[in-house]
C-alpha atoms as a PDB file:
ATOM      1  CA  UNK A   1       0.000   0.000   0.000  1.00  0.00           C
ATOM      2  CA  UNK A   2       2.844   2.376   0.882  1.00  0.00           C
ATOM      3  CA  UNK A   3       4.539   1.742  -2.453  1.00  0.00           C
ATOM      4  CA  UNK A   4       1.310   2.572  -4.288  1.00  0.00           C
ATOM      5  CA  UNK A   5       1.000   5.935  -2.433  1.00  0.00           C
ATOM      6  CA  UNK A   6       4.600   6.779  -3.312  1.00  0.00           C
ATOM      7  CA  UNK A   7       3.968   5.972  -6.973  1.00  0.00           C
ATOM      8  CA  UNK A   8       0.855   8.195  -7.023  1.00  0.00           C
ATOM      9  CA  UNK A   9       2.777  11.045  -5.314  1.00  0.00           C
ATOM     10  CA  UNK A  10       5.645  10.668  -7.774  1.00  0.00           C
ATOM     11  CA  UNK A  11       3.224  10.765 -10.721  1.00  0.00           C
ATOM     12  CA  UNK A  12       1.480  13.904  -9.382  1.00  0.00           C
ATOM     13  CA  UNK A  13       4.851  15.562  -8.729  1.00  0.00           C
ATOM     14  CA  UNK A  14       6.020  14.734 -12.263  1.00  0.00           C
ATOM     15  CA  UNK A  15       2.829  16.146 -13.809  1.00  0.00           C
ATOM     16  CA  UNK A  16       3.086  19.336 -11.758  1.00  0.00           C
ATOM     17  CA  UNK A  17       6.795  19.666 -12.498  1.00  0.00           C
ATOM     18  CA  UNK A  18       6.243  19.591 -16.251  1.00  0.00           C
ATOM     19  CA  UNK A  19       3.101  21.770 -16.091  1.00  0.00           C
ATOM     20  CA  UNK A  20       4.818  24.502 -14.052  1.00  0.00           C
ATOM     21  CA  UNK A  21       7.049  25.911 -16.805  1.00  0.00           C
ATOM     22  CA  UNK A  22       4.093  26.083 -19.215  1.00  0.00           C
ATOM     23  CA  UNK A  23       1.984  28.019 -16.695  1.00  0.00           C
ATOM     24  CA  UNK A  24       4.887  30.289 -15.788  1.00  0.00           C
ATOM     25  CA  UNK A  25       5.530  31.119 -19.433  1.00  0.00           C
ATOM     26  CA  UNK A  26       1.957  32.444 -19.758  1.00  0.00           C
ATOM     27  CA  UNK A  27       2.405  34.956 -16.922  1.00  0.00           C
ATOM     28  CA  UNK A  28       3.585  38.316 -18.195  1.00  0.00           C
ATOM     29  CA  UNK A  29       4.328  41.596 -16.493  1.00  0.00           C
ATOM     30  CA  UNK A  30       1.562  44.114 -17.159  1.00  0.00           C
ATOM     31  CA  UNK A  31       2.517  46.652 -19.809  1.00  0.00           C
ATOM     32  CA  UNK A  32       3.239  50.139 -18.565  1.00  0.00           C
ATOM     33  CA  UNK A  33       0.392  52.400 -19.607  1.00  0.00           C
ATOM     34  CA  UNK A  34      -1.451  55.504 -18.508  1.00  0.00           C
ATOM     35  CA  UNK A  35      -4.200  53.241 -17.140  1.00  0.00           C
ATOM     36  CA  UNK A  36      -1.839  51.440 -14.744  1.00  0.00           C
ATOM     37  CA  UNK A  37       0.108  54.550 -13.718  1.00  0.00           C
ATOM     38  CA  UNK A  38      -0.590  55.967 -10.275  1.00  0.00           C
ATOM     39  CA  UNK A  39       0.744  58.323  -7.634  1.00  0.00           C
ATOM     40  CA  UNK A  40       1.052  57.150  -4.028  1.00  0.00           C
ATOM     41  CA  UNK A  41       2.401  58.515  -0.745  1.00  0.00           C
ATOM     42  CA  UNK A  42       1.760  62.174  -1.543  1.00  0.00           C
ATOM     43  CA  UNK A  43       3.171  64.486   1.104  1.00  0.00           C
ATOM     44  CA  UNK A  44       5.084  67.695   1.787  1.00  0.00           C
ATOM     45  CA  UNK A  45       8.780  68.020   2.449  1.00  0.00           C
ATOM     46  CA  UNK A  46      11.233  70.777   3.256  1.00  0.00           C
ATOM     47  CA  UNK A  47      13.586  69.794   0.437  1.00  0.00           C
ATOM     48  CA  UNK A  48      14.130  67.239  -2.316  1.00  0.00           C
ATOM     49  CA  UNK A  49      17.695  65.967  -2.407  1.00  0.00           C
ATOM     50  CA  UNK A  50      19.067  63.435  -4.917  1.00  0.00           C
ATOM     51  CA  UNK A  51      15.535  62.825  -6.184  1.00  0.00           C
ATOM     52  CA  UNK A  52      14.094  61.928  -2.766  1.00  0.00           C
ATOM     53  CA  UNK A  53      12.183  63.873  -0.122  1.00  0.00           C
ATOM     54  CA  UNK A  54      14.301  64.882   2.848  1.00  0.00           C
ATOM     55  CA  UNK A  55      11.490  64.656   5.433  1.00  0.00           C
ATOM     56  CA  UNK A  56       7.709  64.873   5.927  1.00  0.00           C
ATOM     57  CA  UNK A  57       5.902  68.069   6.847  1.00  0.00           C
ATOM     58  CA  UNK A  58       2.296  68.851   7.729  1.00  0.00           C
ATOM     59  CA  UNK A  59       2.661  72.643   7.775  1.00  0.00           C
ATOM     60  CA  UNK A  60       4.913  75.526   6.792  1.00  0.00           C
ATOM     61  CA  UNK A  61       5.675  78.902   8.333  1.00  0.00           C
ATOM     62  CA  UNK A  62       4.978  82.217   6.576  1.00  0.00           C
ATOM     63  CA  UNK A  63       8.773  82.573   6.146  1.00  0.00           C
ATOM     64  CA  UNK A  64       9.222  79.214   4.396  1.00  0.00           C
ATOM     65  CA  UNK A  65      11.116  79.835   1.140  1.00  0.00           C
ATOM     66  CA  UNK A  66       9.063  77.283  -0.829  1.00  0.00           C
ATOM     67  CA  UNK A  67       6.471  74.533  -0.653  1.00  0.00           C
ATOM     68  CA  UNK A  68       7.561  71.081  -1.888  1.00  0.00           C
ATOM     69  CA  UNK A  69       4.934  68.455  -2.745  1.00  0.00           C
ATOM     70  CA  UNK A  70       6.148  64.936  -3.578  1.00  0.00           C
ATOM     71  CA  UNK A  71       4.633  61.593  -4.504  1.00  0.00           C
ATOM     72  CA  UNK A  72       5.897  58.251  -5.717  1.00  0.00           C
ATOM     73  CA  UNK A  73       5.108  57.580  -9.384  1.00  0.00           C
ATOM     74  CA  UNK A  74       4.371  53.897 -10.053  1.00  0.00           C
ATOM     75  CA  UNK A  75       3.933  51.879 -13.255  1.00  0.00           C
ATOM     76  CA  UNK A  76       4.554  54.857 -15.526  1.00  0.00           C
ATOM     77  CA  UNK A  77       5.724  54.713 -19.142  1.00  0.00           C
ATOM     78  CA  UNK A  78       8.283  57.290 -20.302  1.00  0.00           C
ATOM     79  CA  UNK A  79       7.087  60.891 -20.722  1.00  0.00           C
ATOM     80  CA  UNK A  80       4.109  60.483 -18.406  1.00  0.00           C
ATOM     81  CA  UNK A  81       2.602  63.872 -17.585  1.00  0.00           C
ATOM     82  CA  UNK A  82       2.017  64.770 -13.913  1.00  0.00           C
ATOM     83  CA  UNK A  83       0.137  67.914 -12.884  1.00  0.00           C
ATOM     84  CA  UNK A  84       0.275  69.599  -9.485  1.00  0.00           C
ATOM     85  CA  UNK A  85      -2.566  72.065  -8.780  1.00  0.00           C
ATOM     86  CA  UNK A  86      -1.912  74.427  -5.855  1.00  0.00           C
ATOM     87  CA  UNK A  87      -4.739  76.135  -3.933  1.00  0.00           C
ATOM     88  CA  UNK A  88      -5.066  78.683  -1.111  1.00  0.00           C
ATOM     89  CA  UNK A  89      -8.184  77.113   0.398  1.00  0.00           C
ATOM     90  CA  UNK A  90      -8.787  79.857   2.980  1.00  0.00           C
ATOM     91  CA  UNK A  91      -9.371  82.375   0.166  1.00  0.00           C
ATOM     92  CA  UNK A  92     -10.878  79.882  -2.320  1.00  0.00           C
ATOM     93  CA  UNK A  93      -8.045  80.749  -4.708  1.00  0.00           C
ATOM     94  CA  UNK A  94      -6.287  78.634  -7.342  1.00  0.00           C
ATOM     95  CA  UNK A  95      -2.592  79.597  -7.206  1.00  0.00           C
ATOM     96  CA  UNK A  96      -0.936  77.657 -10.018  1.00  0.00           C
ATOM     97  CA  UNK A  97      -0.738  74.477 -12.061  1.00  0.00           C
ATOM     98  CA  UNK A  98       2.688  72.923 -12.511  1.00  0.00           C
ATOM     99  CA  UNK A  99       3.145  70.224 -15.165  1.00  0.00           C
ATOM    100  CA  UNK A 100       6.135  67.911 -15.341  1.00  0.00           C
ATOM    101  CA  UNK A 101       6.982  64.580 -16.967  1.00  0.00           C
ATOM    102  CA  UNK A 102       9.096  61.676 -15.836  1.00  0.00           C
ATOM    103  CA  UNK A 103      10.994  61.927 -19.151  1.00  0.00           C
ATOM    104  CA  UNK A 104      13.093  58.808 -19.548  1.00  0.00           C
ATOM    105  CA  UNK A 105      13.688  58.423 -15.792  1.00  0.00           C
ATOM    106  CA  UNK A 106      11.350  55.467 -15.633  1.00  0.00           C
ATOM    107  CA  UNK A 107       8.885  54.488 -12.996  1.00  0.00           C
ATOM    108  CA  UNK A 108       8.869  53.954  -9.249  1.00  0.00           C
ATOM    109  CA  UNK A 109      10.479  57.338  -8.724  1.00  0.00           C
ATOM    110  CA  UNK A 110       9.581  60.413  -6.719  1.00  0.00           C
ATOM    111  CA  UNK A 111       8.100  63.329  -8.624  1.00  0.00           C
ATOM    112  CA  UNK A 112       7.750  66.750  -7.093  1.00  0.00           C
ATOM    113  CA  UNK A 113       6.611  70.313  -7.537  1.00  0.00           C
ATOM    114  CA  UNK A 114       7.923  73.442  -5.877  1.00  0.00           C
ATOM    115  CA  UNK A 115       5.930  76.603  -5.267  1.00  0.00           C
ATOM    116  CA  UNK A 116       7.651  79.849  -4.271  1.00  0.00           C
ATOM    117  CA  UNK A 117       6.283  83.213  -3.176  1.00  0.00           C
ATOM    118  CA  UNK A 118       9.082  85.428  -4.550  1.00  0.00           C
ATOM    119  CA  UNK A 119      10.664  85.994  -1.115  1.00  0.00           C
ATOM    120  CA  UNK A 120       7.350  87.329   0.259  1.00  0.00           C
ATOM    121  CA  UNK A 121       5.819  85.766   3.370  1.00  0.00           C
ATOM    122  CA  UNK A 122       3.072  83.220   2.785  1.00  0.00           C
ATOM    123  CA  UNK A 123      -0.387  84.151   4.048  1.00  0.00           C
ATOM    124  CA  UNK A 124      -1.536  82.166   7.051  1.00  0.00           C
ATOM    125  CA  UNK A 125      -4.333  79.710   6.404  1.00  0.00           C
ATOM    126  CA  UNK A 126      -5.215  76.429   4.742  1.00  0.00           C
ATOM    127  CA  UNK A 127      -3.688  75.251   1.469  1.00  0.00           C
ATOM    128  CA  UNK A 128      -3.805  72.093  -0.614  1.00  0.00           C
ATOM    129  CA  UNK A 129      -2.104  70.547  -3.596  1.00  0.00           C
ATOM    130  CA  UNK A 130      -3.839  68.090  -5.906  1.00  0.00           C
ATOM    131  CA  UNK A 131      -1.707  65.674  -7.929  1.00  0.00           C
ATOM    132  CA  UNK A 132      -2.908  64.226 -11.238  1.00  0.00           C
ATOM    133  CA  UNK A 133      -1.545  61.687 -13.696  1.00  0.00           C
ATOM    134  CA  UNK A 134      -2.072  62.730 -17.300  1.00  0.00           C
ATOM    135  CA  UNK A 135      -5.409  64.377 -18.016  1.00  0.00           C
ATOM    136  CA  UNK A 136      -7.380  62.576 -15.326  1.00  0.00           C
ATOM    137  CA  UNK A 137     -10.307  64.528 -13.950  1.00  0.00           C
ATOM    138  CA  UNK A 138      -9.892  63.258 -10.399  1.00  0.00           C
ATOM    139  CA  UNK A 139      -6.660  63.751  -8.448  1.00  0.00           C
ATOM    140  CA  UNK A 140      -4.550  60.722  -7.602  1.00  0.00           C
ATOM    141  CA  UNK A 141      -3.384  62.395  -4.389  1.00  0.00           C
ATOM    142  CA  UNK A 142      -4.568  65.407  -2.350  1.00  0.00           C
ATOM    143  CA  UNK A 143      -2.367  66.908   0.356  1.00  0.00           C
ATOM    144  CA  UNK A 144      -3.895  69.451   2.728  1.00  0.00           C
ATOM    145  CA  UNK A 145      -1.613  71.665   4.802  1.00  0.00           C
ATOM    146  CA  UNK A 146      -1.505  74.886   6.783  1.00  0.00           C
ATOM    147  CA  UNK A 147       0.712  77.899   6.978  1.00  0.00           C
ATOM    148  CA  UNK A 148       0.905  78.961  10.620  1.00  0.00           C
END
């Protein structure tokens, strides 16, 4: 009886062994496309150094020289467009749109936008930045922050 069980196990193992490469050959990495591209981990930082955020912030001071918004770009083909829309929420004011591309830098990289106020102090209040991939109507990431 034991010999019969071993023979059955060996036969099943052999079938699975030979079927595995066929199944594995059918599995392909998804193609990079605008549909699979996304932004994750959107946040603010005090500086971008060597392509990476230096830290995480939740607010700025009126004397801050610039706002830096960053996010990780995933599954993006070359020359993917990313748009950052900046708003002063307290005054219901759209400040600026900043468009960039990843060029040929690939995917799984940080992308960022900087907003300056020409050496003037920032007004105190609530702000936000919306981050979009391509021409999407809905933002992939929204980061709310305050100047205090």
